[in-house]
Amino acid sequence: MVLTLIGSPMSSCTRRVRTVLYEKGVGFTLRTIDLSKAEQKSEEYLKMQPFGQIPVLDLSDDGFTVFESRAITRYIAAKYANQGTKLIPDPKALKAVALFEQAASVEQADFDPYATGIAKHSDTLNAKFDGYERMLNKQRYLASNSDLWHLPYGKVVEKLAPQLFESHPKVNPWWHSLKTRPAWIEASKP
C-alpha cells in the first residue's frame, strides 16, 4: 500500500501527521500543496477535502482518503499498531482508552485553540498549563504518546512565549521530552 500525504511541509497539521508516520516507521510520500497558489482550493483537491484544508492522506491503492490531522494520525496508529512507537492504547483497555481520549480532548479543546492565538490567549494558556502541572504531578505524560499532538502549536508557543513552559516545573521537562523526539525533529525538516 502506498501512503501519500498531501499537504505543506511546514504546516502544523501536516507536521503532526508526519511526526506520527515517523514514530510508527511508516514510509510515505509527501505531495506538496502550494498554499500561496491556493492549490488546496482546486476542484480536484476539494473532491478529497471538501473544506480545502490540509493535510489529506491518500491510500490510492484502495481508493481511500482521510482528512483532518487527528483522524489521520489515529488511523495510522491503529493500522500500524504493531509497528514503531505504540501511540494509542489497546481498544479493550477501557481505562487506558478513556485516559487517551481525555488527553486528546484536552489537547484539542484546552491547548490547540489557545496556542494558535498565543498573543491573545497567553493568560488563558498559562492557566491551562497550571492544570497540566496538576496532571503531570501524577504521571510522566498527560496520557500517552497522544501528547505528541501538542508539538505543532507547542513550538509556536515556545517561540512566542517560552516563559509559559519555563514557569511550569512539570510542564517544561514534559515539553522538552516531546520536542526532542527524533520523529518530531525529522517531521520538522522542510
Protein backbone atom coordinates (compact mmCIF):
# COMPACT_ATOMS: atom_id res chain seq x y z
CA MET A 1 0.00 0.00 0.00
CA VAL A 2 1.35 3.42 -0.96
CA LEU A 3 0.68 6.22 1.51
CA THR A 4 0.68 9.72 0.10
CA LEU A 5 0.43 12.62 2.49
CA ILE A 6 -0.86 15.71 0.72
CA GLY A 7 -0.01 18.92 2.49
CA SER A 8 2.61 21.57 3.12
CA PRO A 9 5.84 20.51 4.85
CA MET A 10 5.79 23.37 7.34
CA SER A 11 2.05 23.29 8.07
CA SER A 12 1.37 22.47 11.72
CA CYS A 13 -1.23 19.85 10.87
CA THR A 14 0.91 18.24 8.17
CA ARG A 15 3.81 18.10 10.63
CA ARG A 16 1.52 16.45 13.20
CA VAL A 17 0.83 13.65 10.69
CA ARG A 18 4.47 13.40 9.58
CA THR A 19 5.53 13.03 13.22
CA VAL A 20 3.21 10.06 13.70
CA LEU A 21 4.33 8.48 10.42
CA TYR A 22 7.96 8.75 11.56
CA GLU A 23 7.12 7.46 15.07
CA LYS A 24 5.45 4.43 13.51
CA GLY A 25 8.22 3.93 10.94
CA VAL A 26 5.72 4.06 8.09
CA GLY A 27 7.02 5.00 4.67
CA PHE A 28 5.13 7.68 2.78
CA THR A 29 5.40 10.19 0.00
CA LEU A 30 4.74 13.86 0.67
CA ARG A 31 2.91 15.60 -2.15
CA THR A 32 3.36 19.30 -1.50
CA ILE A 33 0.44 21.65 -1.94
CA ASP A 34 1.38 25.24 -2.74
CA LEU A 35 -0.81 27.27 -0.41
CA SER A 36 0.32 30.54 -1.99
CA LYS A 37 -1.31 29.36 -5.23
CA ALA A 38 -4.40 28.11 -3.34
CA GLU A 39 -3.92 24.60 -4.75
CA GLN A 40 -5.95 23.28 -1.79
CA LYS A 41 -8.96 25.09 -3.27
CA SER A 42 -8.73 23.42 -6.67
CA GLU A 43 -11.65 21.35 -7.89
CA GLU A 44 -9.53 18.17 -7.79
CA TYR A 45 -8.40 18.77 -4.22
CA LEU A 46 -11.87 19.68 -2.97
CA LYS A 47 -13.03 16.20 -4.05
CA MET A 48 -10.71 14.80 -1.37
CA GLN A 49 -11.10 17.55 1.24
CA PRO A 50 -14.37 19.47 0.89
CA PHE A 51 -13.18 22.33 3.12
CA GLY A 52 -9.99 22.97 1.13
CA GLN A 53 -7.71 22.37 4.11
CA ILE A 54 -4.55 20.33 4.54
CA PRO A 55 -3.49 17.60 5.05
CA VAL A 56 -5.10 14.62 3.35
CA LEU A 57 -3.85 11.04 3.48
CA ASP A 58 -4.37 9.27 0.17
CA LEU A 59 -4.19 5.49 0.08
CA SER A 60 -4.53 5.31 -3.66
CA ASP A 61 -4.11 1.54 -3.75
CA ASP A 62 -7.63 1.09 -2.42
CA GLY A 63 -9.22 4.47 -3.21
CA PHE A 64 -9.40 5.52 0.44
CA THR A 65 -8.65 9.06 1.57
CA VAL A 66 -8.96 10.59 5.01
CA PHE A 67 -8.60 14.21 6.11
CA GLU A 68 -8.22 16.05 9.44
CA SER A 69 -4.81 15.53 11.02
CA ARG A 70 -6.04 13.91 14.23
CA ALA A 71 -8.21 11.46 12.28
CA ILE A 72 -5.26 10.64 10.04
CA THR A 73 -2.94 10.07 13.00
CA ARG A 74 -5.44 7.80 14.74
CA TYR A 75 -5.88 5.81 11.54
CA ILE A 76 -2.11 5.39 11.17
CA ALA A 77 -1.67 4.50 14.84
CA ALA A 78 -4.39 1.84 14.63
CA LYS A 79 -3.43 0.43 11.23
CA TYR A 80 0.22 0.11 12.22
CA ALA A 81 -0.39 -0.73 15.87
CA ASN A 82 2.35 -3.37 15.98
CA GLN A 83 4.94 -1.18 14.28
CA GLY A 84 7.09 1.56 15.82
CA THR A 85 6.00 3.50 18.87
CA LYS A 86 2.70 2.48 20.45
CA LEU A 87 0.60 5.63 20.15
CA ILE A 88 -2.90 4.55 21.13
CA PRO A 89 -3.99 2.03 23.74
CA ASP A 90 -5.49 -1.35 23.04
CA PRO A 91 -9.23 -0.78 22.47
CA LYS A 92 -10.00 -3.44 25.08
CA ALA A 93 -8.12 -1.49 27.79
CA LEU A 94 -11.05 0.77 28.57
CA LYS A 95 -9.38 2.85 31.29
CA ALA A 96 -6.35 3.47 29.08
CA VAL A 97 -8.66 4.40 26.19
CA ALA A 98 -10.58 6.78 28.45
CA LEU A 99 -7.35 8.48 29.56
CA PHE A 100 -6.16 8.66 25.96
CA GLU A 101 -9.43 10.26 24.84
CA GLN A 102 -9.30 12.60 27.81
CA ALA A 103 -5.80 13.77 26.88
CA ALA A 104 -6.77 14.05 23.21
CA SER A 105 -9.75 16.23 24.17
CA VAL A 106 -7.58 18.36 26.46
CA GLU A 107 -5.11 18.97 23.63
CA GLN A 108 -7.84 19.86 21.13
CA ALA A 109 -10.05 21.95 23.43
CA ASP A 110 -7.68 23.38 26.04
CA PHE A 111 -4.35 23.69 24.25
CA ASP A 112 -4.65 24.00 20.49
CA PRO A 113 -7.08 26.95 20.33
CA TYR A 114 -5.02 28.99 22.78
CA ALA A 115 -1.67 28.06 21.30
CA THR A 116 -2.85 29.21 17.86
CA GLY A 117 -3.80 32.59 19.27
CA ILE A 118 -0.96 32.88 21.77
CA ALA A 119 -0.77 36.65 21.85
CA LYS A 120 -4.47 36.91 22.58
CA HIS A 121 -4.69 33.95 24.90
CA SER A 122 -1.42 33.74 26.86
CA ASP A 123 -3.12 34.25 30.25
CA THR A 124 -5.63 31.53 29.49
CA LEU A 125 -2.92 29.17 28.24
CA ASN A 126 -0.90 29.84 31.40
CA ALA A 127 -3.91 28.77 33.47
CA LYS A 128 -4.30 25.67 31.28
CA PHE A 129 -0.65 24.83 31.93
CA ASP A 130 -1.43 25.05 35.66
CA GLY A 131 -3.88 22.20 35.01
CA TYR A 132 -1.20 20.34 33.07
CA GLU A 133 1.08 20.75 36.12
CA ARG A 134 -1.51 19.05 38.31
CA MET A 135 -1.86 16.21 35.81
CA LEU A 136 1.91 15.84 35.38
CA ASN A 137 2.37 15.67 39.14
CA LYS A 138 0.76 12.24 38.92
CA GLN A 139 2.31 10.89 35.73
CA ARG A 140 5.04 11.49 33.16
CA TYR A 141 2.63 12.19 30.28
CA LEU A 142 -0.89 13.54 30.15
CA ALA A 143 -1.93 10.11 28.88
CA SER A 144 0.48 8.53 26.45
CA ASN A 145 2.06 9.30 23.16
CA SER A 146 -1.07 11.25 22.17
CA ASP A 147 0.81 14.08 23.85
CA LEU A 148 2.68 14.31 20.53
CA TRP A 149 -0.28 16.23 19.15
CA HIS A 150 0.92 19.21 21.19
CA LEU A 151 4.07 19.54 19.11
CA PRO A 152 2.98 21.72 16.15
CA TYR A 153 1.39 24.52 18.13
CA GLY A 154 3.60 23.93 21.15
CA LYS A 155 6.51 25.06 19.01
CA VAL A 156 4.58 28.25 18.24
CA VAL A 157 4.01 28.80 21.96
CA GLU A 158 7.67 28.11 22.70
CA LYS A 159 8.78 30.62 20.07
CA LEU A 160 6.38 33.40 21.09
CA ALA A 161 6.09 32.85 24.84
CA PRO A 162 8.75 30.43 26.14
CA GLN A 163 8.12 31.61 29.69
CA LEU A 164 4.82 29.73 29.65
CA PHE A 165 6.77 26.46 29.56
CA GLU A 166 9.68 27.64 31.69
CA SER A 167 7.44 28.82 34.54
CA HIS A 168 5.91 25.36 34.99
CA PRO A 169 8.36 22.88 36.59
CA LYS A 170 6.50 19.78 35.37
CA VAL A 171 5.36 21.11 32.00
CA ASN A 172 8.84 22.26 30.97
CA PRO A 173 10.57 18.82 31.10
CA TRP A 174 7.45 17.19 29.65
CA TRP A 175 7.64 19.63 26.74
CA HIS A 176 11.37 19.05 26.32
CA SER A 177 10.81 15.28 26.14
CA LEU A 178 8.27 15.80 23.34
CA LYS A 179 10.15 18.32 21.22
CA THR A 180 13.38 16.30 21.24
CA ARG A 181 11.80 13.14 19.87
CA PRO A 182 13.57 12.04 16.68
CA ALA A 183 10.26 11.73 14.80
CA TRP A 184 9.41 15.37 15.52
CA ILE A 185 12.86 16.54 14.53
CA GLU A 186 12.55 14.61 11.26
CA ALA A 187 9.00 15.89 10.64
CA SER A 188 10.18 19.47 11.17
CA LYS A 189 12.59 19.35 8.29
CA PRO A 190 11.36 21.11 5.15
